[in-house]
């Protein structure tokens, strides 16, 4: 009996190890998206729309796959968080483009291979929960969906016939509107790419994506702060500071840029006092932003004011910034250890 019991335990243990290893291995999902070209569409437009559709389908499949993970279940993530996580761990490759005529219209079908990398899943989930880009990414994805609907409605309008059944050519107003929507979608796609890269701490990729956003829409102030934040973690402090200054020259009350600027200044020689002035200015403009108190806590640590820093971390924690809870706990233990010496 003892022998068979030991054998059973060994088999169960082996099965569990195999299952964990299998889930950690990258998984491949095949997906496709279709787009019917209208009178206003170019082939480039069609490819963008078909790819968005293929990626959305793959993301839904990846989300279902992730939900089967015990790690995801343990964290009790919302559907939006699972969707965000799926986007962050998915790399996409186009494997096939198929152009065909359907009646009077050209139809593009794109097939993609989405590789789902679930390695270090627990760490990725923790980073996602600690960051503030999750909500930003959700907003971007909602805006993309809204723009797609606008494009679809515009396409229907451009294909209407007159009372005699003759198809009317698109007006210049329709053409201008279509061009504007396509440009706006291009900006949001790069913003989405940057947010996903930030959540996964791929800072080079994030900085490049936000740079593309700025080049397409230089008035999108938040993109400057996001790019500067990525450059900060790449330790390109002078470049990061130049980006925030560029944004603040256009909008001196940009809270996000002021917050990131303070973070950068605290790490530059002789500028910690200026960092404190800057972060206080940001907090005055938006006192309900928990991340700003975490940033100020980091400034106080740089100044050697650990007790005040602890107060800011605790405040940010109570306001819902989970990363600040861990920071507050770690600093409290550090101060306690120093007192006991």
Protein backbone atom coordinates (compact mmCIF):
# COMPACT_ATOMS: atom_id res chain seq x y z
CA UNK A 1 0.00 0.00 0.00
CA UNK A 2 2.77 2.41 0.91
CA UNK A 3 4.43 1.69 -2.44
CA UNK A 4 1.29 2.35 -4.46
CA UNK A 5 0.58 5.51 -2.41
CA UNK A 6 4.06 6.79 -3.07
CA UNK A 7 3.68 6.02 -6.76
CA UNK A 8 0.36 7.88 -6.88
CA UNK A 9 1.89 10.97 -5.24
CA UNK A 10 4.77 10.85 -7.70
CA UNK A 11 2.38 10.65 -10.65
CA UNK A 12 0.26 13.55 -9.34
CA UNK A 13 3.38 15.67 -8.71
CA UNK A 14 4.70 14.87 -12.19
CA UNK A 15 1.36 15.78 -13.73
CA UNK A 16 1.27 19.12 -11.90
CA UNK A 17 4.81 19.94 -12.97
CA UNK A 18 3.99 19.03 -16.54
CA UNK A 19 0.81 21.14 -16.49
CA UNK A 20 2.64 24.18 -15.08
CA UNK A 21 5.41 23.83 -17.63
CA UNK A 22 2.88 23.43 -20.43
CA UNK A 23 1.07 26.63 -19.45
CA UNK A 24 4.35 28.54 -19.19
CA UNK A 25 5.21 27.57 -22.78
CA UNK A 26 4.14 30.12 -25.40
CA UNK A 27 0.78 29.20 -26.93
CA UNK A 28 -0.25 30.01 -30.50
CA UNK A 29 -3.67 31.32 -31.52
CA UNK A 30 -4.73 31.66 -35.15
CA UNK A 31 -7.22 34.38 -35.99
CA UNK A 32 -8.52 36.30 -38.99
CA UNK A 33 -10.15 39.61 -39.77
CA UNK A 34 -12.12 40.71 -42.83
CA UNK A 35 -12.80 44.11 -44.31
CA UNK A 36 -14.98 45.06 -47.28
CA UNK A 37 -13.58 48.11 -49.05
CA UNK A 38 -15.93 51.01 -49.68
CA UNK A 39 -15.58 53.90 -52.11
CA UNK A 40 -13.63 55.92 -49.54
CA UNK A 41 -11.15 53.20 -48.57
CA UNK A 42 -7.63 52.60 -49.78
CA UNK A 43 -5.91 49.21 -49.56
CA UNK A 44 -3.87 50.59 -46.67
CA UNK A 45 -7.06 51.53 -44.81
CA UNK A 46 -8.48 48.05 -45.41
CA UNK A 47 -5.37 46.37 -44.05
CA UNK A 48 -5.51 48.44 -40.86
CA UNK A 49 -9.19 47.64 -40.29
CA UNK A 50 -8.82 43.92 -41.03
CA UNK A 51 -5.80 43.68 -38.73
CA UNK A 52 -7.67 45.42 -35.90
CA UNK A 53 -10.49 42.92 -36.28
CA UNK A 54 -8.10 39.94 -36.33
CA UNK A 55 -6.27 41.21 -33.23
CA UNK A 56 -9.54 41.80 -31.37
CA UNK A 57 -10.62 38.20 -32.03
CA UNK A 58 -7.21 36.88 -30.98
CA UNK A 59 -7.35 38.99 -27.81
CA UNK A 60 -10.71 37.49 -26.87
CA UNK A 61 -9.31 33.97 -27.38
CA UNK A 62 -6.20 34.88 -25.36
CA UNK A 63 -8.40 36.20 -22.56
CA UNK A 64 -10.32 32.93 -22.43
CA UNK A 65 -7.00 31.07 -22.36
CA UNK A 66 -5.72 33.23 -19.51
CA UNK A 67 -8.87 32.70 -17.45
CA UNK A 68 -7.95 29.00 -17.21
CA UNK A 69 -4.72 29.91 -15.39
CA UNK A 70 -4.76 29.37 -11.64
CA UNK A 71 -2.55 32.47 -11.25
CA UNK A 72 -5.15 34.64 -12.97
CA UNK A 73 -7.92 33.09 -10.86
CA UNK A 74 -5.96 33.78 -7.66
CA UNK A 75 -5.68 37.48 -8.52
CA UNK A 76 -9.44 37.72 -9.21
CA UNK A 77 -8.97 40.03 -12.19
CA UNK A 78 -11.86 41.84 -13.86
CA UNK A 79 -12.70 41.17 -17.50
CA UNK A 80 -11.11 44.51 -18.45
CA UNK A 81 -7.90 43.58 -16.62
CA UNK A 82 -7.81 40.16 -18.31
CA UNK A 83 -8.29 41.89 -21.66
CA UNK A 84 -5.42 44.25 -20.87
CA UNK A 85 -3.20 41.38 -19.78
CA UNK A 86 -4.04 39.45 -22.96
CA UNK A 87 -3.04 42.44 -25.08
CA UNK A 88 0.24 42.76 -23.21
CA UNK A 89 1.40 39.15 -23.58
CA UNK A 90 0.38 38.71 -27.21
CA UNK A 91 2.76 39.18 -30.14
CA UNK A 92 1.19 39.19 -33.61
CA UNK A 93 2.48 38.09 -36.99
CA UNK A 94 0.55 38.38 -40.26
CA UNK A 95 0.72 35.01 -42.03
CA UNK A 96 -1.65 35.58 -44.96
CA UNK A 97 -3.39 38.35 -46.89
CA UNK A 98 -6.16 37.39 -49.30
CA UNK A 99 -7.73 39.95 -51.66
CA UNK A 100 -10.92 38.90 -53.47
CA UNK A 101 -13.80 40.54 -55.27
CA UNK A 102 -17.27 40.08 -53.79
CA UNK A 103 -19.82 41.60 -56.14
CA UNK A 104 -18.67 45.17 -56.78
CA UNK A 105 -16.42 45.36 -53.74
CA UNK A 106 -12.92 44.17 -52.90
CA UNK A 107 -12.67 42.10 -49.70
CA UNK A 108 -9.49 41.65 -47.68
CA UNK A 109 -9.03 38.73 -45.31
CA UNK A 110 -5.98 38.81 -43.03
CA UNK A 111 -4.88 35.77 -41.06
CA UNK A 112 -2.60 36.28 -38.07
CA UNK A 113 -0.62 34.09 -35.71
CA UNK A 114 -0.78 35.40 -32.14
CA UNK A 115 1.83 33.99 -29.75
CA UNK A 116 0.77 34.09 -26.10
CA UNK A 117 3.74 34.25 -23.72
CA UNK A 118 2.65 33.39 -20.16
CA UNK A 119 6.12 33.33 -18.62
CA UNK A 120 6.45 35.36 -15.39
CA UNK A 121 2.69 35.79 -15.42
CA UNK A 122 2.44 36.60 -11.71
CA UNK A 123 4.94 39.45 -11.98
CA UNK A 124 3.16 40.82 -15.05
CA UNK A 125 -0.19 40.82 -13.26
CA UNK A 126 1.32 42.63 -10.27
CA UNK A 127 2.86 45.29 -12.52
CA UNK A 128 -0.44 45.74 -14.34
CA UNK A 129 -2.33 46.24 -11.08
CA UNK A 130 0.25 48.71 -9.80
CA UNK A 131 0.35 50.92 -12.87
CA UNK A 132 -2.11 53.62 -13.96
CA UNK A 133 -1.93 52.82 -17.68
CA UNK A 134 -4.62 50.13 -17.47
CA UNK A 135 -7.43 52.67 -17.39
CA UNK A 136 -5.70 54.71 -20.09
CA UNK A 137 -5.45 51.64 -22.31
CA UNK A 138 -9.13 50.85 -21.77
CA UNK A 139 -10.05 54.41 -22.80
CA UNK A 140 -7.90 54.15 -25.93
CA UNK A 141 -9.49 50.84 -26.91
CA UNK A 142 -12.98 52.29 -26.38
CA UNK A 143 -12.08 55.29 -28.54
CA UNK A 144 -10.78 52.98 -31.28
CA UNK A 145 -14.05 51.03 -31.22
CA UNK A 146 -16.04 54.27 -31.44
CA UNK A 147 -13.97 55.45 -34.42
CA UNK A 148 -14.48 52.12 -36.18
CA UNK A 149 -18.24 52.58 -35.80
CA UNK A 150 -17.99 56.09 -37.23
CA UNK A 151 -16.05 54.74 -40.20
CA UNK A 152 -18.63 52.00 -40.77
CA UNK A 153 -21.48 54.54 -40.63
CA UNK A 154 -19.63 56.83 -43.03
CA UNK A 155 -19.05 53.92 -45.43
CA UNK A 156 -22.79 53.14 -45.48
CA UNK A 157 -23.58 56.78 -46.13
CA UNK A 158 -21.09 56.94 -49.00
CA UNK A 159 -22.71 53.92 -50.69
CA UNK A 160 -26.25 55.24 -50.74
CA UNK A 161 -28.10 55.47 -54.04
CA UNK A 162 -30.37 58.20 -55.33
CA UNK A 163 -34.10 57.72 -56.01
CA UNK A 164 -33.37 56.08 -59.39
CA UNK A 165 -31.04 53.48 -57.87
CA UNK A 166 -27.89 55.17 -59.13
CA UNK A 167 -24.98 55.12 -56.68
CA UNK A 168 -23.94 58.63 -55.68
CA UNK A 169 -20.20 59.43 -55.57
CA UNK A 170 -18.80 60.37 -52.15
CA UNK A 171 -18.85 64.09 -51.41
CA UNK A 172 -15.69 66.02 -50.51
CA UNK A 173 -17.06 66.39 -47.01
CA UNK A 174 -17.23 62.58 -46.72
CA UNK A 175 -13.69 62.25 -48.04
CA UNK A 176 -12.35 64.78 -45.55
CA UNK A 177 -14.20 63.12 -42.67
CA UNK A 178 -12.84 59.71 -43.68
CA UNK A 179 -9.27 61.02 -43.83
CA UNK A 180 -9.66 62.63 -40.39
CA UNK A 181 -11.01 59.42 -38.82
CA UNK A 182 -8.22 57.30 -40.31
CA UNK A 183 -5.56 59.69 -39.00
CA UNK A 184 -7.13 59.70 -35.54
CA UNK A 185 -7.17 55.90 -35.51
CA UNK A 186 -3.50 55.81 -36.44
CA UNK A 187 -2.68 58.01 -33.44
CA UNK A 188 -4.74 55.85 -31.07
CA UNK A 189 -3.16 52.64 -32.36
CA UNK A 190 0.29 53.95 -31.43
CA UNK A 191 -1.04 55.15 -28.06
CA UNK A 192 -2.42 51.65 -27.43
CA UNK A 193 0.93 50.12 -28.39
CA UNK A 194 2.75 52.49 -26.01
CA UNK A 195 0.38 51.77 -23.11
CA UNK A 196 0.76 48.00 -23.56
CA UNK A 197 4.55 48.35 -23.69
CA UNK A 198 4.51 50.51 -20.53
CA UNK A 199 2.40 47.99 -18.61
CA UNK A 200 4.96 45.34 -19.55
CA UNK A 201 7.94 47.64 -18.88
CA UNK A 202 9.20 47.51 -22.46
CA UNK A 203 10.49 51.05 -22.23
CA UNK A 204 12.25 51.35 -25.60
CA UNK A 205 9.11 50.19 -27.40
CA UNK A 206 6.95 52.53 -25.29
CA UNK A 207 9.13 55.59 -25.98
CA UNK A 208 9.10 54.85 -29.72
CA UNK A 209 5.31 54.39 -29.80
CA UNK A 210 4.60 57.61 -27.90
CA UNK A 211 7.05 59.41 -30.16
CA UNK A 212 4.93 58.29 -33.12
CA UNK A 213 1.83 59.64 -31.38
CA UNK A 214 3.49 63.04 -30.88
CA UNK A 215 4.68 63.21 -34.50
CA UNK A 216 1.10 62.56 -35.69
CA UNK A 217 -0.61 64.83 -33.15
CA UNK A 218 1.79 67.26 -31.44
CA UNK A 219 -1.09 68.73 -29.37
CA UNK A 220 -1.76 65.49 -27.50
CA UNK A 221 -0.14 66.62 -24.24
CA UNK A 222 -0.45 63.36 -22.28
CA UNK A 223 1.66 61.54 -24.89
CA UNK A 224 4.66 63.72 -23.90
CA UNK A 225 4.37 62.66 -20.26
CA UNK A 226 4.09 59.02 -21.23
CA UNK A 227 7.14 59.22 -23.47
CA UNK A 228 9.11 61.07 -20.77
CA UNK A 229 8.13 58.39 -18.23
CA UNK A 230 9.54 55.69 -20.53
CA UNK A 231 12.73 57.71 -21.08
CA UNK A 232 13.06 58.13 -17.31
CA UNK A 233 13.22 54.36 -16.84
CA UNK A 234 15.70 54.16 -19.70
CA UNK A 235 17.75 56.63 -17.59
CA UNK A 236 17.76 59.16 -20.42
CA UNK A 237 17.03 61.94 -17.95
CA UNK A 238 18.00 64.94 -20.07
CA UNK A 239 15.89 63.69 -22.98
CA UNK A 240 12.98 62.98 -20.63
CA UNK A 241 13.17 66.45 -19.09
CA UNK A 242 13.24 68.06 -22.53
CA UNK A 243 10.04 66.20 -23.47
CA UNK A 244 8.13 67.36 -20.36
CA UNK A 245 9.36 70.93 -20.85
CA UNK A 246 8.12 70.85 -24.43
CA UNK A 247 4.66 69.80 -23.22
CA UNK A 248 4.57 72.31 -20.37
CA UNK A 249 5.45 75.11 -22.78
CA UNK A 250 2.13 74.31 -24.50
CA UNK A 251 0.16 73.63 -21.30
CA UNK A 252 1.77 74.73 -18.04
CA UNK A 253 -1.01 73.08 -16.00
CA UNK A 254 -0.50 69.56 -17.38
CA UNK A 255 -0.56 67.55 -14.15
CA UNK A 256 0.83 64.39 -15.71
CA UNK A 257 3.83 66.24 -17.18
CA UNK A 258 4.47 68.10 -13.92
CA UNK A 259 4.43 64.81 -12.01
CA UNK A 260 6.85 63.07 -14.37
CA UNK A 261 9.07 66.16 -14.45
CA UNK A 262 9.37 66.05 -10.65
CA UNK A 263 10.32 62.38 -10.83
CA UNK A 264 13.09 63.23 -13.31
CA UNK A 265 14.36 66.29 -11.40
CA UNK A 266 14.79 64.36 -8.15
CA UNK A 267 17.43 62.19 -9.85
CA UNK A 268 19.38 65.09 -11.31
CA UNK A 269 22.22 66.60 -9.27
CA UNK A 270 21.19 69.62 -7.21
CA UNK A 271 17.58 69.66 -8.43
CA UNK A 272 15.72 67.85 -5.66
CA UNK A 273 14.34 71.12 -4.20
CA UNK A 274 13.00 72.06 -7.63
CA UNK A 275 11.49 68.56 -7.85
CA UNK A 276 9.57 69.20 -4.62
CA UNK A 277 8.28 72.56 -5.88
CA UNK A 278 7.16 70.91 -9.13
CA UNK A 279 5.34 67.98 -7.52
CA UNK A 280 3.63 70.30 -5.02
CA UNK A 281 2.38 72.35 -7.97
CA UNK A 282 0.95 69.19 -9.55
CA UNK A 283 -0.75 68.14 -6.30
CA UNK A 284 -2.27 71.60 -5.92
CA UNK A 285 -3.81 71.22 -9.38
CA UNK A 286 -5.07 67.68 -8.77
CA UNK A 287 -5.11 66.76 -5.04
CA UNK A 288 -7.10 63.56 -5.66
CA UNK A 289 -4.39 61.87 -7.79
CA UNK A 290 -2.75 59.12 -5.67
CA UNK A 291 0.23 58.68 -7.99
CA UNK A 292 1.34 62.26 -7.31
CA UNK A 293 1.68 61.51 -3.59
CA UNK A 294 3.77 58.44 -4.43
CA UNK A 295 5.99 60.63 -6.62
CA UNK A 296 6.31 63.17 -3.80
CA UNK A 297 7.19 60.36 -1.42
CA UNK A 298 10.07 59.43 -3.73
CA UNK A 299 11.22 63.07 -3.71
CA UNK A 300 11.16 63.14 0.11
CA UNK A 301 13.21 59.92 0.22
CA UNK A 302 15.79 61.57 -2.01
CA UNK A 303 15.85 64.46 0.49
CA UNK A 304 16.31 62.03 3.38
CA UNK A 305 12.89 62.89 4.87
CA UNK A 306 11.73 59.31 5.37
CA UNK A 307 8.92 59.95 7.86
CA UNK A 308 7.20 62.48 5.57
CA UNK A 309 7.76 60.15 2.62
CA UNK A 310 6.07 57.37 4.59
CA UNK A 311 3.03 59.62 5.16
CA UNK A 312 2.71 60.24 1.42
CA UNK A 313 2.99 56.53 0.57
CA UNK A 314 0.31 55.68 3.14
CA UNK A 315 -1.95 58.42 1.78
CA UNK A 316 -1.50 57.15 -1.79
CA UNK A 317 -2.17 53.60 -0.60
CA UNK A 318 -5.44 54.64 1.05
CA UNK A 319 -6.43 56.38 -2.18
CA UNK A 320 -6.09 53.09 -4.07
CA UNK A 321 -2.50 53.09 -5.40
CA UNK A 322 -1.51 49.50 -4.65
CA UNK A 323 2.18 49.98 -5.43
CA UNK A 324 2.31 52.65 -2.72
CA UNK A 325 1.07 50.14 -0.12
CA UNK A 326 4.11 47.96 -0.70
CA UNK A 327 6.35 51.05 -0.75
CA UNK A 328 4.90 52.23 2.59
CA UNK A 329 5.37 48.82 4.18
CA UNK A 330 8.96 48.51 2.95
CA UNK A 331 9.88 51.98 4.16
CA UNK A 332 8.27 51.36 7.58
CA UNK A 333 10.36 48.19 8.01
CA UNK A 334 13.48 50.05 6.94
CA UNK A 335 12.89 52.86 9.47
CA UNK A 336 12.12 50.33 12.21
CA UNK A 337 15.35 48.47 11.46
CA UNK A 338 17.31 51.73 11.61
CA UNK A 339 15.83 52.58 15.02
CA UNK A 340 16.69 49.14 16.42
CA UNK A 341 20.36 49.44 15.51
